[in-house]
Full PDB file with SEQRES, HELIX, SHEET, SSBOND, CRYST1, ORIGX, SCALE, CONECT and MASTER records, all heavy atoms in Angstrom:
SEQRES   1 A   30  PRO THR ALA TYR PHE MET THR GLY ALA PHE ALA ALA PHE          
SEQRES   2 A   30  GLY GLY LEU LEU TYR SER VAL LYS GLN ASP ALA PRO THR          
SEQRES   3 A   30  GLY TRP ARG ILE                                              
HELIX    1 AA1 THR A    2  LYS A   21  1                                  20    
HELIX    2 AA2 THR A   26  ARG A   29  1                                   4    
CRYST1    1.000    1.000    1.000  90.00  90.00  90.00 P 1           1          
ORIGX1      1.000000  0.000000  0.000000        0.00000                         
ORIGX2      0.000000  1.000000  0.000000        0.00000                         
ORIGX3      0.000000  0.000000  1.000000        0.00000                         
SCALE1      1.000000  0.000000  0.000000        0.00000                         
SCALE2      0.000000  1.000000  0.000000        0.00000                         
SCALE3      0.000000  0.000000  1.000000        0.00000                         
ATOM      1  N   PRO A   1      -3.961   7.461  -0.172  1.00  0.00           N  
ATOM      2  CA  PRO A   1      -4.797   6.619   0.690  1.00  0.00           C  
ATOM      3  C   PRO A   1      -5.693   5.644  -0.064  1.00  0.00           C  
ATOM      4  O   PRO A   1      -6.072   4.607   0.466  1.00  0.00           O  
ATOM      5  CB  PRO A   1      -5.649   7.633   1.458  1.00  0.00           C  
ATOM      6  CG  PRO A   1      -4.854   8.877   1.447  1.00  0.00           C  
ATOM      7  CD  PRO A   1      -4.116   8.880   0.143  1.00  0.00           C  
ATOM      8  N   THR A   2      -6.036   5.948  -1.308  1.00  0.00           N  
ATOM      9  CA  THR A   2      -6.884   5.027  -2.056  1.00  0.00           C  
ATOM     10  C   THR A   2      -6.192   3.678  -2.261  1.00  0.00           C  
ATOM     11  O   THR A   2      -6.857   2.647  -2.370  1.00  0.00           O  
ATOM     12  CB  THR A   2      -7.328   5.651  -3.396  1.00  0.00           C  
ATOM     13  OG1 THR A   2      -8.370   4.870  -3.942  1.00  0.00           O  
ATOM     14  CG2 THR A   2      -6.199   5.755  -4.368  1.00  0.00           C  
ATOM     15  N   ALA A   3      -4.870   3.679  -2.288  1.00  0.00           N  
ATOM     16  CA  ALA A   3      -4.137   2.417  -2.417  1.00  0.00           C  
ATOM     17  C   ALA A   3      -4.347   1.540  -1.185  1.00  0.00           C  
ATOM     18  O   ALA A   3      -4.471   0.320  -1.299  1.00  0.00           O  
ATOM     19  CB  ALA A   3      -2.659   2.677  -2.630  1.00  0.00           C  
ATOM     20  N   TYR A   4      -4.398   2.166  -0.017  1.00  0.00           N  
ATOM     21  CA  TYR A   4      -4.645   1.386   1.201  1.00  0.00           C  
ATOM     22  C   TYR A   4      -6.068   0.837   1.233  1.00  0.00           C  
ATOM     23  O   TYR A   4      -6.296  -0.285   1.675  1.00  0.00           O  
ATOM     24  CB  TYR A   4      -4.368   2.230   2.442  1.00  0.00           C  
ATOM     25  CG  TYR A   4      -2.922   2.562   2.611  1.00  0.00           C  
ATOM     26  CD1 TYR A   4      -2.491   3.872   2.625  1.00  0.00           C  
ATOM     27  CD2 TYR A   4      -1.972   1.561   2.745  1.00  0.00           C  
ATOM     28  CE1 TYR A   4      -1.152   4.183   2.777  1.00  0.00           C  
ATOM     29  CE2 TYR A   4      -0.634   1.852   2.897  1.00  0.00           C  
ATOM     30  CZ  TYR A   4      -0.235   3.167   2.911  1.00  0.00           C  
ATOM     31  OH  TYR A   4       1.095   3.462   3.055  1.00  0.00           O  
ATOM     32  N   PHE A   5      -7.023   1.633   0.777  1.00  0.00           N  
ATOM     33  CA  PHE A   5      -8.403   1.150   0.724  1.00  0.00           C  
ATOM     34  C   PHE A   5      -8.526  -0.052  -0.216  1.00  0.00           C  
ATOM     35  O   PHE A   5      -9.166  -1.053   0.103  1.00  0.00           O  
ATOM     36  CB  PHE A   5      -9.361   2.247   0.265  1.00  0.00           C  
ATOM     37  CG  PHE A   5      -9.512   3.381   1.234  1.00  0.00           C  
ATOM     38  CD1 PHE A   5      -9.490   4.684   0.791  1.00  0.00           C  
ATOM     39  CD2 PHE A   5      -9.681   3.149   2.585  1.00  0.00           C  
ATOM     40  CE1 PHE A   5      -9.633   5.744   1.674  1.00  0.00           C  
ATOM     41  CE2 PHE A   5      -9.818   4.197   3.480  1.00  0.00           C  
ATOM     42  CZ  PHE A   5      -9.800   5.492   3.023  1.00  0.00           C  
ATOM     43  N   MET A   6      -7.894   0.057  -1.378  1.00  0.00           N  
ATOM     44  CA  MET A   6      -8.004  -1.037  -2.346  1.00  0.00           C  
ATOM     45  C   MET A   6      -7.202  -2.261  -1.895  1.00  0.00           C  
ATOM     46  O   MET A   6      -7.626  -3.394  -2.131  1.00  0.00           O  
ATOM     47  CB  MET A   6      -7.535  -0.569  -3.727  1.00  0.00           C  
ATOM     48  CG  MET A   6      -8.476   0.431  -4.362  1.00  0.00           C  
ATOM     49  SD  MET A   6     -10.174  -0.175  -4.499  1.00  0.00           S  
ATOM     50  CE  MET A   6      -9.970  -1.500  -5.663  1.00  0.00           C  
ATOM     51  N   THR A   7      -6.069  -2.041  -1.241  1.00  0.00           N  
ATOM     52  CA  THR A   7      -5.312  -3.166  -0.687  1.00  0.00           C  
ATOM     53  C   THR A   7      -6.158  -3.914   0.332  1.00  0.00           C  
ATOM     54  O   THR A   7      -6.248  -5.146   0.315  1.00  0.00           O  
ATOM     55  CB  THR A   7      -4.015  -2.667  -0.025  1.00  0.00           C  
ATOM     56  OG1 THR A   7      -3.204  -2.057  -1.032  1.00  0.00           O  
ATOM     57  CG2 THR A   7      -3.249  -3.798   0.617  1.00  0.00           C  
ATOM     58  N   GLY A   8      -6.797  -3.173   1.218  1.00  0.00           N  
ATOM     59  CA  GLY A   8      -7.667  -3.798   2.210  1.00  0.00           C  
ATOM     60  C   GLY A   8      -8.854  -4.490   1.583  1.00  0.00           C  
ATOM     61  O   GLY A   8      -9.271  -5.568   2.034  1.00  0.00           O  
ATOM     62  N   ALA A   9      -9.415  -3.898   0.523  1.00  0.00           N  
ATOM     63  CA  ALA A   9     -10.559  -4.511  -0.148  1.00  0.00           C  
ATOM     64  C   ALA A   9     -10.164  -5.837  -0.797  1.00  0.00           C  
ATOM     65  O   ALA A   9     -10.900  -6.829  -0.696  1.00  0.00           O  
ATOM     66  CB  ALA A   9     -11.136  -3.554  -1.191  1.00  0.00           C  
ATOM     67  N   PHE A  10      -9.019  -5.868  -1.458  1.00  0.00           N  
ATOM     68  CA  PHE A  10      -8.577  -7.127  -2.067  1.00  0.00           C  
ATOM     69  C   PHE A  10      -8.225  -8.165  -1.009  1.00  0.00           C  
ATOM     70  O   PHE A  10      -8.489  -9.352  -1.189  1.00  0.00           O  
ATOM     71  CB  PHE A  10      -7.392  -6.892  -3.015  1.00  0.00           C  
ATOM     72  CG  PHE A  10      -7.814  -6.463  -4.387  1.00  0.00           C  
ATOM     73  CD1 PHE A  10      -7.573  -5.173  -4.818  1.00  0.00           C  
ATOM     74  CD2 PHE A  10      -8.461  -7.332  -5.244  1.00  0.00           C  
ATOM     75  CE1 PHE A  10      -7.965  -4.764  -6.071  1.00  0.00           C  
ATOM     76  CE2 PHE A  10      -8.858  -6.943  -6.505  1.00  0.00           C  
ATOM     77  CZ  PHE A  10      -8.615  -5.643  -6.924  1.00  0.00           C  
ATOM     78  N   ALA A  11      -7.652  -7.725   0.104  1.00  0.00           N  
ATOM     79  CA  ALA A  11      -7.362  -8.665   1.192  1.00  0.00           C  
ATOM     80  C   ALA A  11      -8.656  -9.210   1.794  1.00  0.00           C  
ATOM     81  O   ALA A  11      -8.749 -10.408   2.095  1.00  0.00           O  
ATOM     82  CB  ALA A  11      -6.522  -7.983   2.261  1.00  0.00           C  
ATOM     83  N   ALA A  12      -9.656  -8.352   1.949  1.00  0.00           N  
ATOM     84  CA  ALA A  12     -10.946  -8.802   2.484  1.00  0.00           C  
ATOM     85  C   ALA A  12     -11.626  -9.773   1.522  1.00  0.00           C  
ATOM     86  O   ALA A  12     -12.216 -10.770   1.943  1.00  0.00           O  
ATOM     87  CB  ALA A  12     -11.857  -7.611   2.756  1.00  0.00           C  
ATOM     88  N   PHE A  13     -11.536  -9.495   0.214  1.00  0.00           N  
ATOM     89  CA  PHE A  13     -12.139 -10.403  -0.760  1.00  0.00           C  
ATOM     90  C   PHE A  13     -11.409 -11.743  -0.780  1.00  0.00           C  
ATOM     91  O   PHE A  13     -12.034 -12.800  -0.877  1.00  0.00           O  
ATOM     92  CB  PHE A  13     -12.144  -9.767  -2.148  1.00  0.00           C  
ATOM     93  CG  PHE A  13     -12.908 -10.563  -3.161  1.00  0.00           C  
ATOM     94  CD1 PHE A  13     -14.235 -10.884  -2.953  1.00  0.00           C  
ATOM     95  CD2 PHE A  13     -12.307 -10.995  -4.318  1.00  0.00           C  
ATOM     96  CE1 PHE A  13     -14.943 -11.620  -3.881  1.00  0.00           C  
ATOM     97  CE2 PHE A  13     -12.995 -11.726  -5.251  1.00  0.00           C  
ATOM     98  CZ  PHE A  13     -14.327 -12.044  -5.046  1.00  0.00           C  
ATOM     99  N   GLY A  14     -10.081 -11.706  -0.678  1.00  0.00           N  
ATOM    100  CA  GLY A  14      -9.322 -12.956  -0.585  1.00  0.00           C  
ATOM    101  C   GLY A  14      -9.682 -13.734   0.669  1.00  0.00           C  
ATOM    102  O   GLY A  14      -9.807 -14.957   0.644  1.00  0.00           O  
ATOM    103  N   GLY A  15      -9.863 -13.021   1.789  1.00  0.00           N  
ATOM    104  CA  GLY A  15     -10.299 -13.678   3.019  1.00  0.00           C  
ATOM    105  C   GLY A  15     -11.691 -14.270   2.896  1.00  0.00           C  
ATOM    106  O   GLY A  15     -11.971 -15.348   3.437  1.00  0.00           O  
ATOM    107  N   LEU A  16     -12.564 -13.570   2.178  1.00  0.00           N  
ATOM    108  CA  LEU A  16     -13.906 -14.104   1.944  1.00  0.00           C  
ATOM    109  C   LEU A  16     -13.851 -15.387   1.119  1.00  0.00           C  
ATOM    110  O   LEU A  16     -14.519 -16.382   1.449  1.00  0.00           O  
ATOM    111  CB  LEU A  16     -14.760 -13.047   1.245  1.00  0.00           C  
ATOM    112  CG  LEU A  16     -16.193 -13.422   0.896  1.00  0.00           C  
ATOM    113  CD1 LEU A  16     -16.993 -13.727   2.155  1.00  0.00           C  
ATOM    114  CD2 LEU A  16     -16.847 -12.311   0.103  1.00  0.00           C  
ATOM    115  N   LEU A  17     -13.035 -15.384   0.066  1.00  0.00           N  
ATOM    116  CA  LEU A  17     -12.881 -16.598  -0.737  1.00  0.00           C  
ATOM    117  C   LEU A  17     -12.290 -17.737   0.084  1.00  0.00           C  
ATOM    118  O   LEU A  17     -12.720 -18.890  -0.032  1.00  0.00           O  
ATOM    119  CB  LEU A  17     -12.011 -16.315  -1.960  1.00  0.00           C  
ATOM    120  CG  LEU A  17     -12.605 -15.397  -3.020  1.00  0.00           C  
ATOM    121  CD1 LEU A  17     -11.581 -15.121  -4.109  1.00  0.00           C  
ATOM    122  CD2 LEU A  17     -13.866 -15.977  -3.601  1.00  0.00           C  
ATOM    123  N   TYR A  18     -11.313 -17.420   0.925  1.00  0.00           N  
ATOM    124  CA  TYR A  18     -10.699 -18.442   1.772  1.00  0.00           C  
ATOM    125  C   TYR A  18     -11.708 -19.008   2.772  1.00  0.00           C  
ATOM    126  O   TYR A  18     -11.737 -20.212   3.015  1.00  0.00           O  
ATOM    127  CB  TYR A  18      -9.489 -17.861   2.510  1.00  0.00           C  
ATOM    128  CG  TYR A  18      -8.742 -18.874   3.332  1.00  0.00           C  
ATOM    129  CD1 TYR A  18      -7.958 -19.846   2.720  1.00  0.00           C  
ATOM    130  CD2 TYR A  18      -8.834 -18.877   4.720  1.00  0.00           C  
ATOM    131  CE1 TYR A  18      -7.278 -20.783   3.470  1.00  0.00           C  
ATOM    132  CE2 TYR A  18      -8.159 -19.807   5.476  1.00  0.00           C  
ATOM    133  CZ  TYR A  18      -7.379 -20.762   4.843  1.00  0.00           C  
ATOM    134  OH  TYR A  18      -6.718 -21.703   5.602  1.00  0.00           O  
ATOM    135  N   SER A  19     -12.538 -18.145   3.339  1.00  0.00           N  
ATOM    136  CA  SER A  19     -13.528 -18.628   4.300  1.00  0.00           C  
ATOM    137  C   SER A  19     -14.573 -19.509   3.615  1.00  0.00           C  
ATOM    138  O   SER A  19     -15.072 -20.460   4.221  1.00  0.00           O  
ATOM    139  CB  SER A  19     -14.201 -17.462   5.026  1.00  0.00           C  
ATOM    140  OG  SER A  19     -14.996 -16.702   4.147  1.00  0.00           O  
ATOM    141  N   VAL A  20     -14.890 -19.222   2.364  1.00  0.00           N  
ATOM    142  CA  VAL A  20     -15.818 -20.091   1.627  1.00  0.00           C  
ATOM    143  C   VAL A  20     -15.141 -21.430   1.345  1.00  0.00           C  
ATOM    144  O   VAL A  20     -15.754 -22.495   1.491  1.00  0.00           O  
ATOM    145  CB  VAL A  20     -16.280 -19.408   0.323  1.00  0.00           C  
ATOM    146  CG1 VAL A  20     -17.000 -20.377  -0.590  1.00  0.00           C  
ATOM    147  CG2 VAL A  20     -17.167 -18.211   0.630  1.00  0.00           C  
ATOM    148  N   LYS A  21     -13.882 -21.389   0.940  1.00  0.00           N  
ATOM    149  CA  LYS A  21     -13.159 -22.622   0.623  1.00  0.00           C  
ATOM    150  C   LYS A  21     -13.006 -23.519   1.849  1.00  0.00           C  
ATOM    151  O   LYS A  21     -13.133 -24.741   1.756  1.00  0.00           O  
ATOM    152  CB  LYS A  21     -11.780 -22.282   0.057  1.00  0.00           C  
ATOM    153  CG  LYS A  21     -11.000 -23.501  -0.390  1.00  0.00           C  
ATOM    154  CD  LYS A  21      -9.690 -23.114  -1.037  1.00  0.00           C  
ATOM    155  CE  LYS A  21      -8.954 -24.348  -1.486  1.00  0.00           C  
ATOM    156  NZ  LYS A  21      -7.679 -24.023  -2.117  1.00  0.00           N  
ATOM    157  N   GLN A  22     -12.745 -22.911   3.009  1.00  0.00           N  
ATOM    158  CA  GLN A  22     -12.549 -23.697   4.234  1.00  0.00           C  
ATOM    159  C   GLN A  22     -13.861 -23.989   4.965  1.00  0.00           C  
ATOM    160  O   GLN A  22     -13.837 -24.584   6.034  1.00  0.00           O  
ATOM    161  CB  GLN A  22     -11.591 -22.952   5.167  1.00  0.00           C  
ATOM    162  CG  GLN A  22     -10.210 -22.785   4.620  1.00  0.00           C  
ATOM    163  CD  GLN A  22      -9.538 -24.126   4.351  1.00  0.00           C  
ATOM    164  OE1 GLN A  22      -9.672 -25.062   5.128  1.00  0.00           O  
ATOM    165  NE2 GLN A  22      -8.839 -24.222   3.235  1.00  0.00           N  
ATOM    166  N   ASP A  23     -14.979 -23.559   4.394  1.00  0.00           N  
ATOM    167  CA  ASP A  23     -16.297 -23.761   4.974  1.00  0.00           C  
ATOM    168  C   ASP A  23     -16.348 -23.195   6.401  1.00  0.00           C  
ATOM    169  O   ASP A  23     -16.765 -23.849   7.347  1.00  0.00           O  
ATOM    170  CB  ASP A  23     -16.686 -25.239   4.959  1.00  0.00           C  
ATOM    171  CG  ASP A  23     -18.181 -25.438   5.125  1.00  0.00           C  
ATOM    172  OD1 ASP A  23     -18.933 -24.522   4.750  1.00  0.00           O  
ATOM    173  OD2 ASP A  23     -18.581 -26.497   5.647  1.00  0.00           O  
ATOM    174  N   ALA A  24     -15.898 -21.952   6.515  1.00  0.00           N  
ATOM    175  CA  ALA A  24     -15.878 -21.255   7.807  1.00  0.00           C  
ATOM    176  C   ALA A  24     -17.306 -20.918   8.240  1.00  0.00           C  
ATOM    177  O   ALA A  24     -18.229 -20.929   7.411  1.00  0.00           O  
ATOM    178  CB  ALA A  24     -15.055 -19.976   7.687  1.00  0.00           C  
ATOM    179  N   PRO A  25     -17.500 -20.627   9.510  1.00  0.00           N  
ATOM    180  CA  PRO A  25     -18.833 -20.237   9.971  1.00  0.00           C  
ATOM    181  C   PRO A  25     -19.358 -19.010   9.226  1.00  0.00           C  
ATOM    182  O   PRO A  25     -18.583 -18.172   8.733  1.00  0.00           O  
ATOM    183  CB  PRO A  25     -18.636 -19.924  11.449  1.00  0.00           C  
ATOM    184  CG  PRO A  25     -17.394 -20.646  11.836  1.00  0.00           C  
ATOM    185  CD  PRO A  25     -16.547 -20.701  10.607  1.00  0.00           C  
ATOM    186  N   THR A  26     -20.656 -18.895   9.164  1.00  0.00           N  
ATOM    187  CA  THR A  26     -21.293 -17.814   8.422  1.00  0.00           C  
ATOM    188  C   THR A  26     -20.883 -16.446   8.952  1.00  0.00           C  
ATOM    189  O   THR A  26     -20.785 -15.483   8.191  1.00  0.00           O  
ATOM    190  CB  THR A  26     -22.823 -17.974   8.488  1.00  0.00           C  
ATOM    191  OG1 THR A  26     -23.167 -19.284   8.034  1.00  0.00           O  
ATOM    192  CG2 THR A  26     -23.521 -16.958   7.614  1.00  0.00           C  
ATOM    193  N   GLY A  27     -20.639 -16.339  10.242  1.00  0.00           N  
ATOM    194  CA  GLY A  27     -20.229 -15.056  10.818  1.00  0.00           C  
ATOM    195  C   GLY A  27     -18.958 -14.515  10.201  1.00  0.00           C  
ATOM    196  O   GLY A  27     -18.830 -13.305   9.990  1.00  0.00           O  
ATOM    197  N   TRP A  28     -17.999 -15.385   9.915  1.00  0.00           N  
ATOM    198  CA  TRP A  28     -16.754 -14.951   9.275  1.00  0.00           C  
ATOM    199  C   TRP A  28     -17.020 -14.449   7.861  1.00  0.00           C  
ATOM    200  O   TRP A  28     -16.443 -13.451   7.427  1.00  0.00           O  
ATOM    201  CB  TRP A  28     -15.736 -16.079   9.225  1.00  0.00           C  
ATOM    202  CG  TRP A  28     -15.068 -16.308  10.535  1.00  0.00           C  
ATOM    203  CD1 TRP A  28     -15.307 -17.313  11.413  1.00  0.00           C  
ATOM    204  CD2 TRP A  28     -14.060 -15.487  11.133  1.00  0.00           C  
ATOM    205  NE1 TRP A  28     -14.509 -17.179  12.511  1.00  0.00           N  
ATOM    206  CE2 TRP A  28     -13.730 -16.074  12.370  1.00  0.00           C  
ATOM    207  CE3 TRP A  28     -13.410 -14.333  10.739  1.00  0.00           C  
ATOM    208  CZ2 TRP A  28     -12.781 -15.518  13.211  1.00  0.00           C  
ATOM    209  CZ3 TRP A  28     -12.460 -13.785  11.582  1.00  0.00           C  
ATOM    210  CH2 TRP A  28     -12.152 -14.375  12.791  1.00  0.00           C  
ATOM    211  N   ARG A  29     -17.878 -15.135   7.143  1.00  0.00           N  
ATOM    212  CA  ARG A  29     -18.193 -14.720   5.774  1.00  0.00           C  
ATOM    213  C   ARG A  29     -18.876 -13.358   5.771  1.00  0.00           C  
ATOM    214  O   ARG A  29     -18.570 -12.509   4.945  1.00  0.00           O  
ATOM    215  CB  ARG A  29     -19.081 -15.756   5.105  1.00  0.00           C  
ATOM    216  CG  ARG A  29     -18.399 -17.087   4.928  1.00  0.00           C  
ATOM    217  CD  ARG A  29     -19.329 -18.086   4.325  1.00  0.00           C  
ATOM    218  NE  ARG A  29     -18.782 -19.422   4.448  1.00  0.00           N  
ATOM    219  CZ  ARG A  29     -19.377 -20.488   3.994  1.00  0.00           C  
ATOM    220  NH1 ARG A  29     -20.541 -20.401   3.412  1.00  0.00           N  
ATOM    221  NH2 ARG A  29     -18.812 -21.669   4.141  1.00  0.00           N  
ATOM    222  N   ILE A  30     -19.795 -13.172   6.704  1.00  0.00           N  
ATOM    223  CA  ILE A  30     -20.488 -11.886   6.799  1.00  0.00           C  
ATOM    224  C   ILE A  30     -19.506 -10.784   7.176  1.00  0.00           C  
ATOM    225  O   ILE A  30     -19.550  -9.678   6.621  1.00  0.00           O  
ATOM    226  CB  ILE A  30     -21.649 -11.983   7.805  1.00  0.00           C  
ATOM    227  CG1 ILE A  30     -22.739 -12.895   7.253  1.00  0.00           C  
ATOM    228  CG2 ILE A  30     -22.204 -10.607   8.138  1.00  0.00           C  
ATOM    229  CD1 ILE A  30     -23.835 -13.230   8.236  1.00  0.00           C  
TER     230      ILE A  30                                                      
MASTER        0    0    0    2    0    0    0    6  229    1    0    3          
END                                                                             
């Protein structure tokens, strides 16, 4: 299960970087 947690964490971090790059609303970043 730790692999799923880390997969989700990296996906969330990638989504955070993407939301910063696309200048998404602050709610998405949070």
